[in-house]
Amino acid sequence: RESDLFIGMQQVLEGLTANGIRWGVVTNKPSFLTIPLMKALNLAEAAACIVSADTTPHSKPHPAPMLHACELVKAKPVDCIYIGDAERDIQAAHNAQMRSVVALYGYISETDEPESWQADCMINHPHEILQWI
């Protein structure tokens, strides 16, 4: 009920769309939570794909959800970038042979060590996504 996009993310999504770059969501949250949230945020129609924990038999860090997202948008994994704020996100990107970005503005705990996750990049604010791409 109180979920919202990180500050600046709406502009990033608009920028991606304006530049013809498709984006989607791959999450370990179940679809009964993901779909209503995406609708409430007015993002369900704009997303090229939405893959939840129960969409495939496996969840991240297994590559199955990532590869399923690629199938849905007809993209090769090597042409995709996955942005996440958990080690399993970066592992899933690696397992699917995608480039990876750590969102340091996300839900990273004090005990996490994102510099050890071997992501291709780490960003501090959503607007850096457009700069990195």
C-alpha atoms as a PDB file:
ATOM      1  CA  ARG A   1       0.000   0.000   0.000  1.00  0.00           C
ATOM      2  CA  GLU A   2       2.849   2.366   0.670  1.00  0.00           C
ATOM      3  CA  SER A   3       5.272   1.048  -1.943  1.00  0.00           C
ATOM      4  CA  ASP A   4       6.634   3.565  -4.376  1.00  0.00           C
ATOM      5  CA  LEU A   5       9.422   3.854  -6.905  1.00  0.00           C
ATOM      6  CA  PHE A   6      12.813   5.048  -5.765  1.00  0.00           C
ATOM      7  CA  ILE A   7      13.236   8.776  -6.377  1.00  0.00           C
ATOM      8  CA  GLY A   8      14.250   9.298  -9.979  1.00  0.00           C
ATOM      9  CA  MET A   9      13.167   5.851 -11.210  1.00  0.00           C
ATOM     10  CA  GLN A  10      10.058   7.130 -13.022  1.00  0.00           C
ATOM     11  CA  GLN A  11      12.258   9.445 -15.097  1.00  0.00           C
ATOM     12  CA  VAL A  12      14.626   6.546 -15.832  1.00  0.00           C
ATOM     13  CA  LEU A  13      11.776   4.342 -17.053  1.00  0.00           C
ATOM     14  CA  GLU A  14      10.462   7.182 -19.200  1.00  0.00           C
ATOM     15  CA  GLY A  15      13.967   7.743 -20.589  1.00  0.00           C
ATOM     16  CA  LEU A  16      14.384   4.085 -21.425  1.00  0.00           C
ATOM     17  CA  THR A  17      11.012   3.991 -23.165  1.00  0.00           C
ATOM     18  CA  ALA A  18      11.723   7.225 -25.072  1.00  0.00           C
ATOM     19  CA  ASN A  19      14.948   5.662 -26.359  1.00  0.00           C
ATOM     20  CA  GLY A  20      13.264   2.425 -27.408  1.00  0.00           C
ATOM     21  CA  ILE A  21      14.876   0.396 -24.648  1.00  0.00           C
ATOM     22  CA  ARG A  22      12.596  -2.291 -23.270  1.00  0.00           C
ATOM     23  CA  TRP A  23      12.630  -2.963 -19.560  1.00  0.00           C
ATOM     24  CA  GLY A  24      11.019  -5.517 -17.315  1.00  0.00           C
ATOM     25  CA  VAL A  25      10.883  -6.916 -13.820  1.00  0.00           C
ATOM     26  CA  VAL A  26      12.299 -10.200 -12.537  1.00  0.00           C
ATOM     27  CA  THR A  27      11.615 -10.660  -8.840  1.00  0.00           C
ATOM     28  CA  ASN A  28      11.617 -13.332  -6.172  1.00  0.00           C
ATOM     29  CA  LYS A  29       8.288 -12.017  -4.906  1.00  0.00           C
ATOM     30  CA  PRO A  30       5.252 -14.184  -5.786  1.00  0.00           C
ATOM     31  CA  SER A  31       2.925 -13.015  -8.558  1.00  0.00           C
ATOM     32  CA  PHE A  32       0.021 -12.411  -6.166  1.00  0.00           C
ATOM     33  CA  LEU A  33       2.137  -9.547  -4.799  1.00  0.00           C
ATOM     34  CA  THR A  34       4.021  -8.507  -7.936  1.00  0.00           C
ATOM     35  CA  ILE A  35       1.140  -8.032 -10.367  1.00  0.00           C
ATOM     36  CA  PRO A  36      -1.071  -5.875  -8.097  1.00  0.00           C
ATOM     37  CA  LEU A  37       1.930  -3.746  -7.160  1.00  0.00           C
ATOM     38  CA  MET A  38       2.929  -3.223 -10.782  1.00  0.00           C
ATOM     39  CA  LYS A  39      -0.672  -2.241 -11.572  1.00  0.00           C
ATOM     40  CA  ALA A  40      -0.865   0.110  -8.584  1.00  0.00           C
ATOM     41  CA  LEU A  41       2.345   1.810  -9.757  1.00  0.00           C
ATOM     42  CA  ASN A  42       0.930   2.049 -13.305  1.00  0.00           C
ATOM     43  CA  LEU A  43       3.839  -0.017 -14.633  1.00  0.00           C
ATOM     44  CA  ALA A  44       2.190  -3.292 -15.624  1.00  0.00           C
ATOM     45  CA  GLU A  45       1.388  -2.184 -19.166  1.00  0.00           C
ATOM     46  CA  ALA A  46       4.726  -0.444 -19.710  1.00  0.00           C
ATOM     47  CA  ALA A  47       6.897  -3.375 -18.647  1.00  0.00           C
ATOM     48  CA  ALA A  48       8.083  -5.614 -21.470  1.00  0.00           C
ATOM     49  CA  CYS A  49       7.828  -8.540 -19.036  1.00  0.00           C
ATOM     50  CA  ILE A  50       7.052  -9.344 -15.439  1.00  0.00           C
ATOM     51  CA  VAL A  51       8.567 -12.543 -14.048  1.00  0.00           C
ATOM     52  CA  SER A  52       7.730 -13.481 -10.467  1.00  0.00           C
ATOM     53  CA  ALA A  53       9.073 -16.182  -8.156  1.00  0.00           C
ATOM     54  CA  ASP A  54       6.291 -18.546  -9.184  1.00  0.00           C
ATOM     55  CA  THR A  55       6.555 -17.907 -12.928  1.00  0.00           C
ATOM     56  CA  THR A  56       9.263 -20.545 -13.353  1.00  0.00           C
ATOM     57  CA  PRO A  57      10.094 -23.637 -11.258  1.00  0.00           C
ATOM     58  CA  HIS A  58      13.175 -21.839  -9.861  1.00  0.00           C
ATOM     59  CA  SER A  59      13.826 -18.402  -8.424  1.00  0.00           C
ATOM     60  CA  LYS A  60      16.957 -16.268  -8.415  1.00  0.00           C
ATOM     61  CA  PRO A  61      19.864 -16.936  -8.243  1.00  0.00           C
ATOM     62  CA  HIS A  62      18.897 -19.728 -10.633  1.00  0.00           C
ATOM     63  CA  PRO A  63      19.035 -18.414 -14.220  1.00  0.00           C
ATOM     64  CA  ALA A  64      15.560 -19.741 -15.150  1.00  0.00           C
ATOM     65  CA  PRO A  65      13.621 -16.531 -14.366  1.00  0.00           C
ATOM     66  CA  MET A  66      16.177 -14.414 -16.187  1.00  0.00           C
ATOM     67  CA  LEU A  67      16.162 -16.662 -19.247  1.00  0.00           C
ATOM     68  CA  HIS A  68      12.358 -16.735 -19.230  1.00  0.00           C
ATOM     69  CA  ALA A  69      12.318 -12.933 -19.274  1.00  0.00           C
ATOM     70  CA  CYS A  70      14.642 -13.026 -22.287  1.00  0.00           C
ATOM     71  CA  GLU A  71      12.288 -15.416 -24.066  1.00  0.00           C
ATOM     72  CA  LEU A  72       9.321 -13.147 -23.351  1.00  0.00           C
ATOM     73  CA  VAL A  73      11.035 -10.096 -24.840  1.00  0.00           C
ATOM     74  CA  LYS A  74      12.868 -12.057 -27.555  1.00  0.00           C
ATOM     75  CA  ALA A  75      16.297 -10.897 -26.409  1.00  0.00           C
ATOM     76  CA  LYS A  76      19.591 -12.677 -25.948  1.00  0.00           C
ATOM     77  CA  PRO A  77      20.907 -12.691 -22.368  1.00  0.00           C
ATOM     78  CA  VAL A  78      24.194 -11.124 -23.490  1.00  0.00           C
ATOM     79  CA  ASP A  79      22.183  -8.138 -24.748  1.00  0.00           C
ATOM     80  CA  CYS A  80      20.503  -7.613 -21.360  1.00  0.00           C
ATOM     81  CA  ILE A  81      21.468  -5.812 -18.186  1.00  0.00           C
ATOM     82  CA  TYR A  82      20.078  -6.843 -14.817  1.00  0.00           C
ATOM     83  CA  ILE A  83      19.968  -4.269 -12.047  1.00  0.00           C
ATOM     84  CA  GLY A  84      19.579  -5.564  -8.520  1.00  0.00           C
ATOM     85  CA  ASP A  85      20.246  -4.818  -4.894  1.00  0.00           C
ATOM     86  CA  ALA A  86      20.973  -8.307  -3.581  1.00  0.00           C
ATOM     87  CA  GLU A  87      23.821 -10.727  -4.121  1.00  0.00           C
ATOM     88  CA  ARG A  88      21.390 -13.309  -5.553  1.00  0.00           C
ATOM     89  CA  ASP A  89      20.434 -10.748  -8.222  1.00  0.00           C
ATOM     90  CA  ILE A  90      24.011 -10.424  -9.396  1.00  0.00           C
ATOM     91  CA  GLN A  91      24.508 -14.193  -9.195  1.00  0.00           C
ATOM     92  CA  ALA A  92      21.368 -14.695 -11.299  1.00  0.00           C
ATOM     93  CA  ALA A  93      22.655 -12.249 -13.913  1.00  0.00           C
ATOM     94  CA  HIS A  94      25.995 -14.070 -14.032  1.00  0.00           C
ATOM     95  CA  ASN A  95      24.257 -17.445 -14.209  1.00  0.00           C
ATOM     96  CA  ALA A  96      22.200 -16.222 -17.164  1.00  0.00           C
ATOM     97  CA  GLN A  97      25.240 -14.584 -18.832  1.00  0.00           C
ATOM     98  CA  MET A  98      23.827 -11.063 -18.491  1.00  0.00           C
ATOM     99  CA  ARG A  99      25.658  -7.918 -17.493  1.00  0.00           C
ATOM    100  CA  SER A 100      24.905  -6.834 -13.934  1.00  0.00           C
ATOM    101  CA  VAL A 101      24.561  -3.611 -11.997  1.00  0.00           C
ATOM    102  CA  VAL A 102      24.292  -3.242  -8.223  1.00  0.00           C
ATOM    103  CA  ALA A 103      21.780  -0.594  -7.164  1.00  0.00           C
ATOM    104  CA  LEU A 104      23.443   0.749  -4.027  1.00  0.00           C
ATOM    105  CA  TYR A 105      20.345   2.880  -3.388  1.00  0.00           C
ATOM    106  CA  GLY A 106      18.319  -0.330  -2.910  1.00  0.00           C
ATOM    107  CA  TYR A 107      17.673  -2.511   0.084  1.00  0.00           C
ATOM    108  CA  ILE A 108      21.273  -3.315   0.911  1.00  0.00           C
ATOM    109  CA  SER A 109      21.975  -4.110   4.550  1.00  0.00           C
ATOM    110  CA  GLU A 110      24.999  -2.990   6.512  1.00  0.00           C
ATOM    111  CA  THR A 111      26.337  -6.558   6.479  1.00  0.00           C
ATOM    112  CA  ASP A 112      26.163  -6.883   2.680  1.00  0.00           C
ATOM    113  CA  GLU A 113      29.394  -6.484   0.724  1.00  0.00           C
ATOM    114  CA  PRO A 114      28.276  -5.478  -2.790  1.00  0.00           C
ATOM    115  CA  GLU A 115      31.842  -4.749  -3.872  1.00  0.00           C
ATOM    116  CA  SER A 116      32.499  -8.498  -3.578  1.00  0.00           C
ATOM    117  CA  TRP A 117      29.554  -9.520  -5.789  1.00  0.00           C
ATOM    118  CA  GLN A 118      31.554  -9.013  -9.012  1.00  0.00           C
ATOM    119  CA  ALA A 119      28.938  -6.890 -10.757  1.00  0.00           C
ATOM    120  CA  ASP A 120      29.889  -5.009 -13.905  1.00  0.00           C
ATOM    121  CA  CYS A 121      28.979  -1.741 -12.246  1.00  0.00           C
ATOM    122  CA  MET A 122      27.658  -0.212  -9.017  1.00  0.00           C
ATOM    123  CA  ILE A 123      25.426   2.853  -9.046  1.00  0.00           C
ATOM    124  CA  ASN A 124      24.273   5.209  -6.301  1.00  0.00           C
ATOM    125  CA  HIS A 125      21.181   6.704  -7.951  1.00  0.00           C
ATOM    126  CA  PRO A 126      18.686   5.540 -10.582  1.00  0.00           C
ATOM    127  CA  HIS A 127      19.676   8.321 -13.038  1.00  0.00           C
ATOM    128  CA  GLU A 128      23.054   6.588 -13.395  1.00  0.00           C
ATOM    129  CA  ILE A 129      21.270   3.758 -15.207  1.00  0.00           C
ATOM    130  CA  LEU A 130      20.770   5.951 -18.270  1.00  0.00           C
ATOM    131  CA  GLN A 131      24.368   7.158 -18.096  1.00  0.00           C
ATOM    132  CA  TRP A 132      25.684   3.587 -17.838  1.00  0.00           C
ATOM    133  CA  ILE A 133      23.584   2.231 -20.689  1.00  0.00           C
END
